[in-house]
Amino acid sequence: MITLTERAAKKVADLAAKKNRPAVLRVKVGAGGCSGLSYEFVVCDDLREDDAVSETAGAKAAVDAKADFFIGGSVVDWEESLMSSGFVVKNPHAASTCSCGKSFSTES
């Protein structure tokens, strides 16, 4: 299971409201990126039976069993700067990450 910070939960709620959807952020793990695996984020309205789901301030974070294996225990935050903005994952399973933080590896 992953958790959202208050800031990330607010951003999920804002994005969901613009799409007139429930506040659910699905975090996926895909192949690719500089380090081998990449994070994918989708505001959605579907929860599946096998999802690990957490809730913060009315916003839910969902991951399937495959993604939970790689990112379970992670904290998702929302960061904004002059150069970029986006969800940032603090992943306890990541042995290495790329400099932009969009991909990771579980092997050292």
N, C-alpha and C. Protein backbone atom coordinates (compact mmCIF):
# COMPACT_ATOMS: atom_id res chain seq x y z
N MET A 1 0.84 -1.17 0.00
CA MET A 1 0.00 0.00 0.00
C MET A 1 0.89 1.24 0.00
N ILE A 2 0.43 2.28 -0.64
CA ILE A 2 1.13 3.57 -0.63
C ILE A 2 0.26 4.59 0.07
N THR A 3 0.86 5.68 0.48
CA THR A 3 0.09 6.75 1.10
C THR A 3 0.36 8.07 0.39
N LEU A 4 -0.61 8.96 0.48
CA LEU A 4 -0.50 10.30 -0.07
C LEU A 4 -0.23 11.28 1.05
N THR A 5 0.61 12.28 0.78
CA THR A 5 0.73 13.38 1.72
C THR A 5 -0.51 14.26 1.58
N GLU A 6 -0.69 15.16 2.52
CA GLU A 6 -1.82 16.09 2.44
C GLU A 6 -1.77 16.91 1.15
N ARG A 7 -0.57 17.33 0.77
CA ARG A 7 -0.39 18.14 -0.45
C ARG A 7 -0.77 17.32 -1.69
N ALA A 8 -0.35 16.06 -1.73
CA ALA A 8 -0.69 15.19 -2.87
C ALA A 8 -2.18 14.91 -2.91
N ALA A 9 -2.78 14.69 -1.74
CA ALA A 9 -4.22 14.44 -1.68
C ALA A 9 -5.01 15.63 -2.21
N LYS A 10 -4.57 16.84 -1.86
CA LYS A 10 -5.25 18.04 -2.37
C LYS A 10 -5.15 18.13 -3.88
N LYS A 11 -3.97 17.82 -4.44
CA LYS A 11 -3.79 17.87 -5.89
C LYS A 11 -4.65 16.82 -6.57
N VAL A 12 -4.73 15.62 -6.01
CA VAL A 12 -5.59 14.57 -6.59
C VAL A 12 -7.04 15.04 -6.59
N ALA A 13 -7.49 15.62 -5.48
CA ALA A 13 -8.86 16.13 -5.40
C ALA A 13 -9.11 17.22 -6.44
N ASP A 14 -8.15 18.13 -6.62
CA ASP A 14 -8.28 19.20 -7.61
C ASP A 14 -8.36 18.63 -9.03
N LEU A 15 -7.47 17.69 -9.36
CA LEU A 15 -7.49 17.08 -10.69
C LEU A 15 -8.78 16.30 -10.93
N ALA A 16 -9.23 15.58 -9.93
CA ALA A 16 -10.47 14.80 -10.06
C ALA A 16 -11.68 15.70 -10.26
N ALA A 17 -11.71 16.82 -9.55
CA ALA A 17 -12.83 17.75 -9.68
C ALA A 17 -12.90 18.32 -11.10
N LYS A 18 -11.74 18.60 -11.71
CA LYS A 18 -11.73 19.12 -13.07
C LYS A 18 -12.27 18.10 -14.07
N LYS A 19 -12.10 16.82 -13.76
CA LYS A 19 -12.59 15.75 -14.66
C LYS A 19 -13.93 15.20 -14.20
N ASN A 20 -14.48 15.79 -13.12
CA ASN A 20 -15.75 15.34 -12.55
C ASN A 20 -15.70 13.85 -12.22
N ARG A 21 -14.63 13.45 -11.53
CA ARG A 21 -14.42 12.05 -11.15
C ARG A 21 -14.17 11.97 -9.64
N PRO A 22 -14.29 10.77 -9.09
CA PRO A 22 -13.89 10.58 -7.69
C PRO A 22 -12.38 10.81 -7.56
N ALA A 23 -11.95 11.18 -6.37
CA ALA A 23 -10.54 11.48 -6.15
C ALA A 23 -9.75 10.21 -5.88
N VAL A 24 -9.36 9.53 -6.98
CA VAL A 24 -8.56 8.30 -6.88
C VAL A 24 -7.33 8.46 -7.78
N LEU A 25 -6.16 8.31 -7.18
CA LEU A 25 -4.92 8.33 -7.94
C LEU A 25 -4.40 6.90 -8.03
N ARG A 26 -4.35 6.37 -9.25
CA ARG A 26 -3.78 5.04 -9.46
C ARG A 26 -2.30 5.24 -9.80
N VAL A 27 -1.45 4.57 -9.02
CA VAL A 27 -0.02 4.63 -9.26
C VAL A 27 0.39 3.29 -9.85
N LYS A 28 1.01 3.36 -11.03
CA LYS A 28 1.43 2.15 -11.74
C LYS A 28 2.94 2.12 -11.84
N VAL A 29 3.46 0.95 -12.11
CA VAL A 29 4.88 0.78 -12.37
C VAL A 29 5.00 0.20 -13.77
N GLY A 30 5.78 0.85 -14.61
CA GLY A 30 5.97 0.38 -15.98
C GLY A 30 7.44 0.18 -16.27
N ALA A 31 7.71 -0.55 -17.32
CA ALA A 31 9.09 -0.75 -17.76
C ALA A 31 9.54 0.50 -18.50
N GLY A 32 10.78 0.90 -18.26
CA GLY A 32 11.32 2.05 -18.98
C GLY A 32 11.91 3.08 -18.06
N GLY A 33 12.37 4.15 -18.64
CA GLY A 33 13.02 5.20 -17.89
C GLY A 33 14.50 4.92 -17.74
N CYS A 34 15.21 5.87 -17.23
CA CYS A 34 16.67 5.77 -17.09
C CYS A 34 17.10 4.62 -16.20
N SER A 35 16.32 4.33 -15.17
CA SER A 35 16.74 3.33 -14.19
C SER A 35 16.09 1.97 -14.37
N GLY A 36 15.20 1.81 -15.34
CA GLY A 36 14.62 0.50 -15.62
C GLY A 36 13.13 0.39 -15.37
N LEU A 37 12.62 1.01 -14.30
CA LEU A 37 11.19 1.02 -14.00
C LEU A 37 10.75 2.47 -13.86
N SER A 38 9.52 2.75 -14.24
CA SER A 38 9.04 4.13 -14.15
C SER A 38 7.70 4.19 -13.44
N TYR A 39 7.46 5.33 -12.81
CA TYR A 39 6.19 5.58 -12.15
C TYR A 39 5.20 6.15 -13.16
N GLU A 40 3.95 5.72 -13.06
CA GLU A 40 2.88 6.26 -13.89
C GLU A 40 1.73 6.64 -12.96
N PHE A 41 1.12 7.80 -13.23
CA PHE A 41 0.04 8.31 -12.38
C PHE A 41 -1.19 8.56 -13.24
N VAL A 42 -2.35 8.07 -12.77
CA VAL A 42 -3.60 8.27 -13.50
C VAL A 42 -4.69 8.59 -12.49
N VAL A 43 -5.39 9.70 -12.70
CA VAL A 43 -6.58 9.99 -11.91
C VAL A 43 -7.71 9.18 -12.55
N CYS A 44 -8.30 8.29 -11.77
CA CYS A 44 -9.29 7.36 -12.34
C CYS A 44 -10.49 7.25 -11.40
N ASP A 45 -11.45 6.46 -11.82
CA ASP A 45 -12.61 6.24 -10.96
C ASP A 45 -12.88 4.76 -10.74
N ASP A 46 -11.90 3.92 -11.06
CA ASP A 46 -12.12 2.49 -10.87
C ASP A 46 -11.20 1.92 -9.81
N LEU A 47 -11.78 1.24 -8.86
CA LEU A 47 -11.02 0.48 -7.87
C LEU A 47 -11.28 -0.99 -8.15
N ARG A 48 -10.22 -1.76 -8.12
CA ARG A 48 -10.33 -3.18 -8.42
C ARG A 48 -10.26 -3.99 -7.12
N GLU A 49 -10.78 -5.18 -7.19
CA GLU A 49 -10.85 -6.03 -6.01
C GLU A 49 -9.48 -6.28 -5.38
N ASP A 50 -8.44 -6.42 -6.21
CA ASP A 50 -7.12 -6.73 -5.68
C ASP A 50 -6.26 -5.50 -5.41
N ASP A 51 -6.82 -4.30 -5.49
CA ASP A 51 -6.06 -3.08 -5.23
C ASP A 51 -5.74 -2.92 -3.75
N ALA A 52 -4.57 -2.39 -3.48
CA ALA A 52 -4.23 -1.90 -2.14
C ALA A 52 -4.61 -0.42 -2.16
N VAL A 53 -5.48 -0.01 -1.26
CA VAL A 53 -6.02 1.35 -1.28
C VAL A 53 -5.79 2.02 0.07
N SER A 54 -5.35 3.28 0.01
CA SER A 54 -5.25 4.10 1.22
C SER A 54 -6.00 5.40 0.95
N GLU A 55 -6.36 6.09 2.01
CA GLU A 55 -7.10 7.35 1.86
C GLU A 55 -6.49 8.42 2.76
N THR A 56 -6.32 9.60 2.19
CA THR A 56 -5.82 10.76 2.91
C THR A 56 -6.68 11.95 2.53
N ALA A 57 -7.28 12.59 3.51
CA ALA A 57 -8.07 13.81 3.29
C ALA A 57 -9.08 13.65 2.16
N GLY A 58 -9.72 12.49 2.08
CA GLY A 58 -10.76 12.26 1.08
C GLY A 58 -10.27 11.79 -0.28
N ALA A 59 -8.96 11.77 -0.49
CA ALA A 59 -8.40 11.28 -1.76
C ALA A 59 -7.83 9.88 -1.53
N LYS A 60 -8.04 9.01 -2.51
CA LYS A 60 -7.55 7.65 -2.40
C LYS A 60 -6.37 7.42 -3.33
N ALA A 61 -5.46 6.56 -2.88
CA ALA A 61 -4.34 6.09 -3.69
C ALA A 61 -4.54 4.59 -3.88
N ALA A 62 -4.44 4.12 -5.12
CA ALA A 62 -4.65 2.71 -5.42
C ALA A 62 -3.47 2.15 -6.20
N VAL A 63 -3.06 0.94 -5.84
CA VAL A 63 -2.04 0.22 -6.59
C VAL A 63 -2.47 -1.23 -6.71
N ASP A 64 -2.17 -1.85 -7.86
CA ASP A 64 -2.48 -3.27 -8.00
C ASP A 64 -1.36 -4.08 -7.35
N ALA A 65 -1.56 -5.40 -7.28
CA ALA A 65 -0.60 -6.26 -6.58
C ALA A 65 0.79 -6.21 -7.20
N LYS A 66 0.87 -6.14 -8.53
CA LYS A 66 2.18 -6.08 -9.20
C LYS A 66 2.93 -4.82 -8.80
N ALA A 67 2.26 -3.68 -8.88
CA ALA A 67 2.91 -2.41 -8.52
C ALA A 67 3.23 -2.37 -7.03
N ASP A 68 2.36 -2.92 -6.20
CA ASP A 68 2.56 -2.91 -4.76
C ASP A 68 3.86 -3.64 -4.38
N PHE A 69 4.21 -4.66 -5.15
CA PHE A 69 5.45 -5.39 -4.91
C PHE A 69 6.65 -4.45 -5.01
N PHE A 70 6.62 -3.51 -5.96
CA PHE A 70 7.74 -2.59 -6.20
C PHE A 70 7.66 -1.30 -5.40
N ILE A 71 6.44 -0.86 -5.05
CA ILE A 71 6.32 0.46 -4.42
C ILE A 71 5.54 0.45 -3.11
N GLY A 72 5.16 -0.73 -2.62
CA GLY A 72 4.45 -0.80 -1.34
C GLY A 72 5.25 -0.10 -0.25
N GLY A 73 4.59 0.67 0.58
CA GLY A 73 5.26 1.42 1.64
C GLY A 73 5.74 2.80 1.21
N SER A 74 5.54 3.14 -0.05
CA SER A 74 5.97 4.44 -0.56
C SER A 74 5.04 5.56 -0.12
N VAL A 75 5.58 6.76 -0.14
CA VAL A 75 4.80 7.97 0.14
C VAL A 75 4.84 8.82 -1.13
N VAL A 76 3.65 9.25 -1.58
CA VAL A 76 3.55 10.09 -2.77
C VAL A 76 3.26 11.52 -2.33
N ASP A 77 4.08 12.44 -2.81
CA ASP A 77 3.93 13.86 -2.48
C ASP A 77 3.72 14.63 -3.78
N TRP A 78 3.29 15.87 -3.67
CA TRP A 78 3.17 16.77 -4.82
C TRP A 78 4.17 17.90 -4.60
N GLU A 79 5.01 18.15 -5.60
CA GLU A 79 5.99 19.23 -5.50
C GLU A 79 5.86 20.17 -6.68
N GLU A 80 6.05 21.46 -6.41
CA GLU A 80 6.04 22.47 -7.45
C GLU A 80 7.27 23.34 -7.31
N SER A 81 7.88 23.67 -8.44
CA SER A 81 9.02 24.58 -8.46
C SER A 81 8.91 25.43 -9.72
N LEU A 82 9.85 26.32 -9.92
CA LEU A 82 9.84 27.14 -11.13
C LEU A 82 10.06 26.30 -12.38
N MET A 83 10.78 25.20 -12.24
CA MET A 83 11.14 24.37 -13.39
C MET A 83 10.15 23.25 -13.68
N SER A 84 9.47 22.73 -12.65
CA SER A 84 8.57 21.60 -12.89
C SER A 84 7.60 21.42 -11.73
N SER A 85 6.61 20.60 -11.97
CA SER A 85 5.69 20.20 -10.91
C SER A 85 5.24 18.78 -11.20
N GLY A 86 4.90 18.06 -10.14
CA GLY A 86 4.44 16.69 -10.34
C GLY A 86 4.47 15.89 -9.06
N PHE A 87 3.95 14.67 -9.18
CA PHE A 87 3.97 13.76 -8.05
C PHE A 87 5.38 13.20 -7.90
N VAL A 88 5.81 13.07 -6.66
CA VAL A 88 7.14 12.56 -6.33
C VAL A 88 6.95 11.38 -5.38
N VAL A 89 7.63 10.27 -5.67
CA VAL A 89 7.50 9.07 -4.88
C VAL A 89 8.74 8.87 -4.02
N LYS A 90 8.52 8.72 -2.73
CA LYS A 90 9.60 8.32 -1.81
C LYS A 90 9.43 6.83 -1.60
N ASN A 91 10.24 6.05 -2.32
CA ASN A 91 10.08 4.60 -2.40
C ASN A 91 11.16 3.89 -1.58
N PRO A 92 10.77 3.17 -0.52
CA PRO A 92 11.76 2.48 0.30
C PRO A 92 12.43 1.30 -0.41
N HIS A 93 11.86 0.84 -1.52
CA HIS A 93 12.41 -0.29 -2.27
C HIS A 93 13.40 0.14 -3.35
N ALA A 94 13.49 1.43 -3.63
CA ALA A 94 14.35 1.91 -4.72
C ALA A 94 15.81 1.89 -4.28
N ALA A 95 16.59 1.10 -5.00
CA ALA A 95 18.03 1.05 -4.74
C ALA A 95 18.72 2.22 -5.44
N SER A 96 18.14 2.67 -6.56
CA SER A 96 18.67 3.82 -7.28
C SER A 96 17.53 4.50 -8.02
N THR A 97 17.70 5.79 -8.28
CA THR A 97 16.71 6.56 -9.04
C THR A 97 17.45 7.42 -10.05
N CYS A 98 16.73 7.86 -11.07
CA CYS A 98 17.34 8.78 -12.02
C CYS A 98 17.30 10.18 -11.41
N SER A 99 18.00 11.10 -11.99
CA SER A 99 18.08 12.44 -11.41
C SER A 99 16.75 13.19 -11.42
N CYS A 100 15.86 12.85 -12.34
CA CYS A 100 14.57 13.54 -12.38
C CYS A 100 13.55 12.89 -11.44
N GLY A 101 13.83 11.70 -10.92
CA GLY A 101 12.93 11.04 -9.98
C GLY A 101 11.77 10.31 -10.61
N LYS A 102 11.76 10.20 -11.93
CA LYS A 102 10.63 9.56 -12.63
C LYS A 102 10.82 8.05 -12.80
N SER A 103 12.03 7.56 -12.59
CA SER A 103 12.26 6.13 -12.72
C SER A 103 13.16 5.64 -11.60
N PHE A 104 13.16 4.32 -11.41
CA PHE A 104 13.90 3.73 -10.30
C PHE A 104 14.30 2.30 -10.63
N SER A 105 15.16 1.77 -9.81
CA SER A 105 15.57 0.38 -9.91
C SER A 105 15.56 -0.20 -8.51
N THR A 106 15.20 -1.48 -8.41
CA THR A 106 15.24 -2.15 -7.10
C THR A 106 16.53 -2.94 -6.94
N GLU A 107 17.38 -2.91 -7.96
CA GLU A 107 18.67 -3.61 -7.91
C GLU A 107 19.78 -2.59 -7.77
N SER A 108 20.75 -2.90 -6.94
CA SER A 108 21.86 -1.95 -6.76
C SER A 108 23.02 -2.26 -7.68
